[in-house]
Amino acid sequence: MSKRKTYTAEFKAAAVSRLLEGNEKPSILSYELGVTLTQLKTWKLAQQAAGSAETFVRQKVDAEELQRLRRENKRLVEENDILRKASVFFAKRAEKA
């Protein structure tokens, strides 16, 4: 099974900008960029909903940062749980000695 290809927010914004210029047919543009026509149209709709390319890029960057922070938070919580369990273990062991 192949891994899904991901694109940066900047790439998506640039692709939509080229699409909105209207110099190329959407099907040719999608072929040149190596994306499907549906992806290109979805990016265009997302950018239009966001209001502008800058807002679109900022929202994507913020979403990626939020996802990274959530992963980091989860890792830190797990590390704290391990340390808490270890301290209880060693405290009990010290009491016996």
C-alpha atoms as a PDB file:
ATOM      1  CA  MET A   1       0.000   0.000   0.000  1.00  0.00           C
ATOM      2  CA  SER A   2       1.439   3.378  -0.951  1.00  0.00           C
ATOM      3  CA  LYS A   3       1.651   6.314   1.416  1.00  0.00           C
ATOM      4  CA  ARG A   4      -0.641   9.210   0.683  1.00  0.00           C
ATOM      5  CA  LYS A   5       1.100  12.192  -0.845  1.00  0.00           C
ATOM      6  CA  THR A   6       0.856  15.431   1.098  1.00  0.00           C
ATOM      7  CA  TYR A   7       1.317  18.982  -0.129  1.00  0.00           C
ATOM      8  CA  THR A   8       2.359  22.099   1.735  1.00  0.00           C
ATOM      9  CA  ALA A   9      -0.020  24.977   2.210  1.00  0.00           C
ATOM     10  CA  GLU A  10       2.271  27.145   0.086  1.00  0.00           C
ATOM     11  CA  PHE A  11       2.129  24.642  -2.789  1.00  0.00           C
ATOM     12  CA  LYS A  12      -1.667  24.567  -2.593  1.00  0.00           C
ATOM     13  CA  ALA A  13      -1.908  28.364  -2.531  1.00  0.00           C
ATOM     14  CA  ALA A  14       0.419  28.670  -5.525  1.00  0.00           C
ATOM     15  CA  ALA A  15      -1.579  26.062  -7.431  1.00  0.00           C
ATOM     16  CA  VAL A  16      -4.828  27.890  -6.734  1.00  0.00           C
ATOM     17  CA  SER A  17      -3.257  31.196  -7.768  1.00  0.00           C
ATOM     18  CA  ARG A  18      -2.249  29.683 -11.094  1.00  0.00           C
ATOM     19  CA  LEU A  19      -5.755  28.268 -11.473  1.00  0.00           C
ATOM     20  CA  LEU A  20      -7.365  31.636 -10.777  1.00  0.00           C
ATOM     21  CA  GLU A  21      -5.118  33.403 -13.304  1.00  0.00           C
ATOM     22  CA  GLY A  22      -7.033  31.524 -15.968  1.00  0.00           C
ATOM     23  CA  ASN A  23      -4.100  31.216 -18.362  1.00  0.00           C
ATOM     24  CA  GLU A  24      -4.228  27.421 -18.316  1.00  0.00           C
ATOM     25  CA  LYS A  25      -7.013  24.884 -18.426  1.00  0.00           C
ATOM     26  CA  PRO A  26      -7.606  23.322 -15.029  1.00  0.00           C
ATOM     27  CA  SER A  27      -7.055  19.809 -16.379  1.00  0.00           C
ATOM     28  CA  ILE A  28      -3.685  20.752 -17.906  1.00  0.00           C
ATOM     29  CA  LEU A  29      -2.634  22.593 -14.749  1.00  0.00           C
ATOM     30  CA  SER A  30      -3.519  19.632 -12.542  1.00  0.00           C
ATOM     31  CA  TYR A  31      -1.523  17.328 -14.827  1.00  0.00           C
ATOM     32  CA  GLU A  32       1.506  19.648 -14.729  1.00  0.00           C
ATOM     33  CA  LEU A  33       1.370  19.848 -10.936  1.00  0.00           C
ATOM     34  CA  GLY A  34       0.850  16.118 -10.521  1.00  0.00           C
ATOM     35  CA  VAL A  35      -2.427  16.426  -8.657  1.00  0.00           C
ATOM     36  CA  THR A  36      -5.963  15.429  -9.503  1.00  0.00           C
ATOM     37  CA  LEU A  37      -8.439  17.939 -10.823  1.00  0.00           C
ATOM     38  CA  THR A  38     -10.618  17.234  -7.784  1.00  0.00           C
ATOM     39  CA  GLN A  39      -7.771  18.147  -5.416  1.00  0.00           C
ATOM     40  CA  LEU A  40      -7.194  21.380  -7.270  1.00  0.00           C
ATOM     41  CA  LYS A  41     -10.877  22.306  -7.089  1.00  0.00           C
ATOM     42  CA  THR A  42     -11.025  21.389  -3.395  1.00  0.00           C
ATOM     43  CA  TRP A  43      -8.055  23.628  -2.667  1.00  0.00           C
ATOM     44  CA  LYS A  44      -9.713  26.441  -4.614  1.00  0.00           C
ATOM     45  CA  LEU A  45     -12.939  26.100  -2.610  1.00  0.00           C
ATOM     46  CA  ALA A  46     -11.011  25.994   0.670  1.00  0.00           C
ATOM     47  CA  GLN A  47      -9.102  29.147  -0.265  1.00  0.00           C
ATOM     48  CA  GLN A  48     -12.275  30.933  -1.293  1.00  0.00           C
ATOM     49  CA  ALA A  49     -13.899  29.941   2.002  1.00  0.00           C
ATOM     50  CA  ALA A  50     -10.858  31.271   3.878  1.00  0.00           C
ATOM     51  CA  GLY A  51     -11.055  34.571   2.031  1.00  0.00           C
ATOM     52  CA  SER A  52      -7.581  34.874   0.556  1.00  0.00           C
ATOM     53  CA  ALA A  53      -4.422  32.931  -0.203  1.00  0.00           C
ATOM     54  CA  GLU A  54      -2.633  34.402   2.810  1.00  0.00           C
ATOM     55  CA  THR A  55      -5.465  33.442   5.154  1.00  0.00           C
ATOM     56  CA  PHE A  56      -5.608  29.986   3.591  1.00  0.00           C
ATOM     57  CA  VAL A  57      -1.871  29.435   4.077  1.00  0.00           C
ATOM     58  CA  ARG A  58      -2.005  30.775   7.630  1.00  0.00           C
ATOM     59  CA  GLN A  59      -4.912  28.479   8.516  1.00  0.00           C
ATOM     60  CA  LYS A  60      -3.090  25.460   7.106  1.00  0.00           C
ATOM     61  CA  VAL A  61       0.131  26.345   8.936  1.00  0.00           C
ATOM     62  CA  ASP A  62      -1.796  26.877  12.168  1.00  0.00           C
ATOM     63  CA  ALA A  63      -3.563  23.540  11.765  1.00  0.00           C
ATOM     64  CA  GLU A  64      -0.249  21.758  11.187  1.00  0.00           C
ATOM     65  CA  GLU A  65       1.260  23.481  14.244  1.00  0.00           C
ATOM     66  CA  LEU A  66      -1.746  22.519  16.361  1.00  0.00           C
ATOM     67  CA  GLN A  67      -1.427  18.904  15.244  1.00  0.00           C
ATOM     68  CA  ARG A  68       2.293  18.907  16.096  1.00  0.00           C
ATOM     69  CA  LEU A  69       1.618  20.408  19.520  1.00  0.00           C
ATOM     70  CA  ARG A  70      -1.079  17.824  20.253  1.00  0.00           C
ATOM     71  CA  ARG A  71       1.320  14.996  19.371  1.00  0.00           C
ATOM     72  CA  GLU A  72       4.006  16.546  21.580  1.00  0.00           C
ATOM     73  CA  ASN A  73       1.540  17.008  24.432  1.00  0.00           C
ATOM     74  CA  LYS A  74       0.477  13.364  24.187  1.00  0.00           C
ATOM     75  CA  ARG A  75       4.119  12.246  24.306  1.00  0.00           C
ATOM     76  CA  LEU A  76       4.821  14.439  27.336  1.00  0.00           C
ATOM     77  CA  VAL A  77       1.775  13.106  29.193  1.00  0.00           C
ATOM     78  CA  GLU A  78       2.948   9.548  28.524  1.00  0.00           C
ATOM     79  CA  GLU A  79       6.455  10.408  29.758  1.00  0.00           C
ATOM     80  CA  ASN A  80       5.010  11.951  32.938  1.00  0.00           C
ATOM     81  CA  ASP A  81       2.922   8.825  33.565  1.00  0.00           C
ATOM     82  CA  ILE A  82       6.009   6.654  33.212  1.00  0.00           C
ATOM     83  CA  LEU A  83       7.983   8.871  35.604  1.00  0.00           C
ATOM     84  CA  ARG A  84       5.114   8.892  38.111  1.00  0.00           C
ATOM     85  CA  LYS A  85       4.887   5.095  38.057  1.00  0.00           C
ATOM     86  CA  ALA A  86       8.659   4.778  38.384  1.00  0.00           C
ATOM     87  CA  SER A  87       8.756   7.109  41.397  1.00  0.00           C
ATOM     88  CA  VAL A  88       5.991   5.100  43.117  1.00  0.00           C
ATOM     89  CA  PHE A  89       7.884   1.876  42.386  1.00  0.00           C
ATOM     90  CA  PHE A  90      11.159   3.176  43.777  1.00  0.00           C
ATOM     91  CA  ALA A  91       9.453   4.757  46.810  1.00  0.00           C
ATOM     92  CA  LYS A  92       7.900   1.394  47.722  1.00  0.00           C
ATOM     93  CA  ARG A  93      11.235  -0.319  47.195  1.00  0.00           C
ATOM     94  CA  ALA A  94      12.978   2.225  49.449  1.00  0.00           C
ATOM     95  CA  GLU A  95      10.399   1.648  52.215  1.00  0.00           C
ATOM     96  CA  LYS A  96      11.154  -2.091  52.225  1.00  0.00           C
ATOM     97  CA  ALA A  97      14.881  -1.512  52.553  1.00  0.00           C
END
